[in-house]
Amino acid sequence: MEPVKKGDALVCSECGVELEVTKKCDCANCEIICCGKPMEVKENSSKGCCC
C-alpha cells in the first residue's frame, strides 16, 4: 500500500469500519490492519467534502 495522506479514509473490506487519517505517513509500505487484512483507501476520500 502506498503511504496514506491526511484526509484519506480507510475502510475494512470485512467489517466495514472506516478510519480517517489525521497525519500523513512517510513509510514506503504503509499497512493498517483490521480483521487480519490490510485496510484499503476509500476512493476520492482525500479530496474533501463536496458541499
PDB file of N, CA and C in Angstrom:
ATOM      1  N   MET A   1       0.851  -1.188   0.000  1.00  0.00           N
ATOM      2  CA  MET A   1       0.000   0.000   0.000  1.00  0.00           C
ATOM      3  C   MET A   1       0.888   1.240   0.000  1.00  0.00           C
ATOM      4  N   GLU A   2       0.516   2.224  -0.760  1.00  0.00           N
ATOM      5  CA  GLU A   2       1.250   3.487  -0.788  1.00  0.00           C
ATOM      6  C   GLU A   2       1.025   4.239   0.519  1.00  0.00           C
ATOM      7  N   PRO A   3       1.908   5.173   0.844  1.00  0.00           N
ATOM      8  CA  PRO A   3       1.702   5.960   2.068  1.00  0.00           C
ATOM      9  C   PRO A   3       0.351   6.678   2.046  1.00  0.00           C
ATOM     10  N   VAL A   4      -0.287   6.737   3.207  1.00  0.00           N
ATOM     11  CA  VAL A   4      -1.565   7.424   3.300  1.00  0.00           C
ATOM     12  C   VAL A   4      -1.343   8.913   3.521  1.00  0.00           C
ATOM     13  N   LYS A   5      -2.329   9.715   3.093  1.00  0.00           N
ATOM     14  CA  LYS A   5      -2.246  11.166   3.221  1.00  0.00           C
ATOM     15  C   LYS A   5      -3.288  11.651   4.228  1.00  0.00           C
ATOM     16  N   LYS A   6      -3.039  12.806   4.803  1.00  0.00           N
ATOM     17  CA  LYS A   6      -4.013  13.420   5.696  1.00  0.00           C
ATOM     18  C   LYS A   6      -5.331  13.585   4.944  1.00  0.00           C
ATOM     19  N   GLY A   7      -6.410  13.161   5.549  1.00  0.00           N
ATOM     20  CA  GLY A   7      -7.727  13.269   4.925  1.00  0.00           C
ATOM     21  C   GLY A   7      -8.186  11.988   4.246  1.00  0.00           C
ATOM     22  N   ASP A   8      -7.262  11.033   4.019  1.00  0.00           N
ATOM     23  CA  ASP A   8      -7.659   9.750   3.442  1.00  0.00           C
ATOM     24  C   ASP A   8      -8.601   9.030   4.396  1.00  0.00           C
ATOM     25  N   ALA A   9      -9.549   8.305   3.861  1.00  0.00           N
ATOM     26  CA  ALA A   9     -10.419   7.445   4.658  1.00  0.00           C
ATOM     27  C   ALA A   9     -10.069   6.010   4.302  1.00  0.00           C
ATOM     28  N   LEU A  10      -9.827   5.200   5.318  1.00  0.00           N
ATOM     29  CA  LEU A  10      -9.527   3.794   5.121  1.00  0.00           C
ATOM     30  C   LEU A  10     -10.756   2.990   5.502  1.00  0.00           C
ATOM     31  N   VAL A  11     -11.019   1.910   4.760  1.00  0.00           N
ATOM     32  CA  VAL A  11     -12.180   1.076   5.030  1.00  0.00           C
ATOM     33  C   VAL A  11     -11.752  -0.386   5.095  1.00  0.00           C
ATOM     34  N   CYS A  12     -12.361  -1.126   6.016  1.00  0.00           N
ATOM     35  CA  CYS A  12     -12.105  -2.565   6.152  1.00  0.00           C
ATOM     36  C   CYS A  12     -13.080  -3.307   5.244  1.00  0.00           C
ATOM     37  N   SER A  13     -12.546  -4.174   4.400  1.00  0.00           N
ATOM     38  CA  SER A  13     -13.402  -4.925   3.472  1.00  0.00           C
ATOM     39  C   SER A  13     -14.186  -6.024   4.182  1.00  0.00           C
ATOM     40  N   GLU A  14     -13.822  -6.367   5.416  1.00  0.00           N
ATOM     41  CA  GLU A  14     -14.515  -7.416   6.167  1.00  0.00           C
ATOM     42  C   GLU A  14     -15.686  -6.862   6.978  1.00  0.00           C
ATOM     43  N   CYS A  15     -15.418  -5.892   7.861  1.00  0.00           N
ATOM     44  CA  CYS A  15     -16.453  -5.411   8.785  1.00  0.00           C
ATOM     45  C   CYS A  15     -17.015  -4.035   8.413  1.00  0.00           C
ATOM     46  N   GLY A  16     -16.331  -3.319   7.507  1.00  0.00           N
ATOM     47  CA  GLY A  16     -16.833  -2.025   7.055  1.00  0.00           C
ATOM     48  C   GLY A  16     -16.423  -0.832   7.898  1.00  0.00           C
ATOM     49  N   VAL A  17     -15.641  -1.053   8.969  1.00  0.00           N
ATOM     50  CA  VAL A  17     -15.210   0.076   9.795  1.00  0.00           C
ATOM     51  C   VAL A  17     -14.387   1.037   8.939  1.00  0.00           C
ATOM     52  N   GLU A  18     -14.517   2.336   9.208  1.00  0.00           N
ATOM     53  CA  GLU A  18     -13.772   3.352   8.470  1.00  0.00           C
ATOM     54  C   GLU A  18     -12.950   4.195   9.437  1.00  0.00           C
ATOM     55  N   LEU A  19     -11.757   4.574   8.996  1.00  0.00           N
ATOM     56  CA  LEU A  19     -10.858   5.439   9.760  1.00  0.00           C
ATOM     57  C   LEU A  19     -10.458   6.617   8.900  1.00  0.00           C
ATOM     58  N   GLU A  20     -10.273   7.799   9.516  1.00  0.00           N
ATOM     59  CA  GLU A  20      -9.779   8.965   8.794  1.00  0.00           C
ATOM     60  C   GLU A  20      -8.347   9.251   9.237  1.00  0.00           C
ATOM     61  N   VAL A  21      -7.464   9.458   8.285  1.00  0.00           N
ATOM     62  CA  VAL A  21      -6.055   9.728   8.565  1.00  0.00           C
ATOM     63  C   VAL A  21      -5.918  11.201   8.949  1.00  0.00           C
ATOM     64  N   THR A  22      -5.272  11.456  10.096  1.00  0.00           N
ATOM     65  CA  THR A  22      -5.086  12.836  10.556  1.00  0.00           C
ATOM     66  C   THR A  22      -3.654  13.310  10.396  1.00  0.00           C
ATOM     67  N   LYS A  23      -2.736  12.397  10.063  1.00  0.00           N
ATOM     68  CA  LYS A  23      -1.341  12.749   9.834  1.00  0.00           C
ATOM     69  C   LYS A  23      -0.800  11.840   8.744  1.00  0.00           C
ATOM     70  N   LYS A  24      -0.109  12.415   7.738  1.00  0.00           N
ATOM     71  CA  LYS A  24       0.395  11.619   6.625  1.00  0.00           C
ATOM     72  C   LYS A  24       1.457  10.629   7.102  1.00  0.00           C
ATOM     73  N   CYS A  25       1.615   9.569   6.356  1.00  0.00           N
ATOM     74  CA  CYS A  25       2.602   8.532   6.656  1.00  0.00           C
ATOM     75  C   CYS A  25       3.678   8.573   5.574  1.00  0.00           C
ATOM     76  N   ASP A  26       4.945   8.561   5.995  1.00  0.00           N
ATOM     77  CA  ASP A  26       6.046   8.590   5.028  1.00  0.00           C
ATOM     78  C   ASP A  26       6.665   7.210   4.809  1.00  0.00           C
ATOM     79  N   CYS A  27       6.062   6.167   5.380  1.00  0.00           N
ATOM     80  CA  CYS A  27       6.575   4.803   5.196  1.00  0.00           C
ATOM     81  C   CYS A  27       6.420   4.372   3.742  1.00  0.00           C
ATOM     82  N   ALA A  28       7.374   3.595   3.246  1.00  0.00           N
ATOM     83  CA  ALA A  28       7.296   3.086   1.876  1.00  0.00           C
ATOM     84  C   ALA A  28       6.170   2.067   1.745  1.00  0.00           C
ATOM     85  N   ASN A  29       5.907   1.296   2.791  1.00  0.00           N
ATOM     86  CA  ASN A  29       4.866   0.275   2.760  1.00  0.00           C
ATOM     87  C   ASN A  29       3.990   0.445   3.999  1.00  0.00           C
ATOM     88  N   CYS A  30       2.935   1.211   3.873  1.00  0.00           N
ATOM     89  CA  CYS A  30       2.058   1.525   4.998  1.00  0.00           C
ATOM     90  C   CYS A  30       0.848   0.592   4.983  1.00  0.00           C
ATOM     91  N   GLU A  31       0.728  -0.267   6.006  1.00  0.00           N
ATOM     92  CA  GLU A  31      -0.419  -1.165   6.101  1.00  0.00           C
ATOM     93  C   GLU A  31      -1.068  -1.015   7.463  1.00  0.00           C
ATOM     94  N   ILE A  32      -2.335  -0.681   7.457  1.00  0.00           N
ATOM     95  CA  ILE A  32      -3.117  -0.609   8.680  1.00  0.00           C
ATOM     96  C   ILE A  32      -4.072  -1.805   8.615  1.00  0.00           C
ATOM     97  N   ILE A  33      -4.000  -2.659   9.635  1.00  0.00           N
ATOM     98  CA  ILE A  33      -4.687  -3.941   9.622  1.00  0.00           C
ATOM     99  C   ILE A  33      -5.980  -3.897  10.436  1.00  0.00           C
ATOM    100  N   CYS A  34      -7.040  -4.499   9.886  1.00  0.00           N
ATOM    101  CA  CYS A  34      -8.308  -4.686  10.587  1.00  0.00           C
ATOM    102  C   CYS A  34      -8.844  -6.050  10.157  1.00  0.00           C
ATOM    103  N   CYS A  35      -9.366  -6.818  11.071  1.00  0.00           N
ATOM    104  CA  CYS A  35      -9.889  -8.166  10.779  1.00  0.00           C
ATOM    105  C   CYS A  35      -8.849  -9.040  10.091  1.00  0.00           C
ATOM    106  N   GLY A  36      -7.558  -8.789  10.391  1.00  0.00           N
ATOM    107  CA  GLY A  36      -6.483  -9.595   9.839  1.00  0.00           C
ATOM    108  C   GLY A  36      -6.093  -9.264   8.415  1.00  0.00           C
ATOM    109  N   LYS A  37      -6.680  -8.207   7.838  1.00  0.00           N
ATOM    110  CA  LYS A  37      -6.384  -7.817   6.453  1.00  0.00           C
ATOM    111  C   LYS A  37      -6.035  -6.333   6.390  1.00  0.00           C
ATOM    112  N   PRO A  38      -5.169  -5.944   5.432  1.00  0.00           N
ATOM    113  CA  PRO A  38      -4.858  -4.511   5.269  1.00  0.00           C
ATOM    114  C   PRO A  38      -6.109  -3.724   4.869  1.00  0.00           C
ATOM    115  N   MET A  39      -6.276  -2.563   5.481  1.00  0.00           N
ATOM    116  CA  MET A  39      -7.399  -1.693   5.114  1.00  0.00           C
ATOM    117  C   MET A  39      -7.093  -1.025   3.780  1.00  0.00           C
ATOM    118  N   GLU A  40      -8.140  -0.634   3.063  1.00  0.00           N
ATOM    119  CA  GLU A  40      -7.996  -0.010   1.748  1.00  0.00           C
ATOM    120  C   GLU A  40      -8.398   1.458   1.814  1.00  0.00           C
ATOM    121  N   VAL A  41      -7.738   2.295   0.997  1.00  0.00           N
ATOM    122  CA  VAL A  41      -8.103   3.708   0.924  1.00  0.00           C
ATOM    123  C   VAL A  41      -9.418   3.822   0.163  1.00  0.00           C
ATOM    124  N   LYS A  42     -10.382   4.497   0.775  1.00  0.00           N
ATOM    125  CA  LYS A  42     -11.678   4.708   0.153  1.00  0.00           C
ATOM    126  C   LYS A  42     -11.504   5.683  -1.006  1.00  0.00           C
ATOM    127  N   GLU A  43     -12.079   5.377  -2.149  1.00  0.00           N
ATOM    128  CA  GLU A  43     -11.926   6.193  -3.356  1.00  0.00           C
ATOM    129  C   GLU A  43     -12.404   7.627  -3.112  1.00  0.00           C
ATOM    130  N   ASN A  44     -11.615   8.599  -3.603  1.00  0.00           N
ATOM    131  CA  ASN A  44     -11.908  10.038  -3.505  1.00  0.00           C
ATOM    132  C   ASN A  44     -11.969  10.556  -2.084  1.00  0.00           C
ATOM    133  N   SER A  45     -11.369   9.857  -1.129  1.00  0.00           N
ATOM    134  CA  SER A  45     -11.502  10.259   0.265  1.00  0.00           C
ATOM    135  C   SER A  45     -10.702  11.498   0.637  1.00  0.00           C
ATOM    136  N   SER A  46      -9.544  11.722   0.042  1.00  0.00           N
ATOM    137  CA  SER A  46      -8.717  12.859   0.452  1.00  0.00           C
ATOM    138  C   SER A  46      -9.071  14.148  -0.270  1.00  0.00           C
ATOM    139  N   LYS A  47     -10.102  14.130  -1.110  1.00  0.00           N
ATOM    140  CA  LYS A  47     -10.493  15.346  -1.844  1.00  0.00           C
ATOM    141  C   LYS A  47     -11.366  16.256  -1.021  1.00  0.00           C
ATOM    142  N   GLY A  48     -11.868  15.755   0.124  1.00  0.00           N
ATOM    143  CA  GLY A  48     -12.698  16.595   0.992  1.00  0.00           C
ATOM    144  C   GLY A  48     -14.161  16.511   0.619  1.00  0.00           C
ATOM    145  N   CYS A  49     -14.945  17.196   1.384  1.00  0.00           N
ATOM    146  CA  CYS A  49     -16.398  17.179   1.212  1.00  0.00           C
ATOM    147  C   CYS A  49     -16.801  17.952  -0.044  1.00  0.00           C
ATOM    148  N   CYS A  50     -17.898  17.542  -0.638  1.00  0.00           N
ATOM    149  CA  CYS A  50     -18.350  18.194  -1.864  1.00  0.00           C
ATOM    150  C   CYS A  50     -19.257  19.392  -1.578  1.00  0.00           C
ATOM    151  N   CYS A  51     -19.635  19.612  -0.315  1.00  0.00           N
ATOM    152  CA  CYS A  51     -20.585  20.691  -0.021  1.00  0.00           C
ATOM    153  C   CYS A  51     -19.958  21.828   0.766  1.00  0.00           C
TER     154      CYS A  51
END
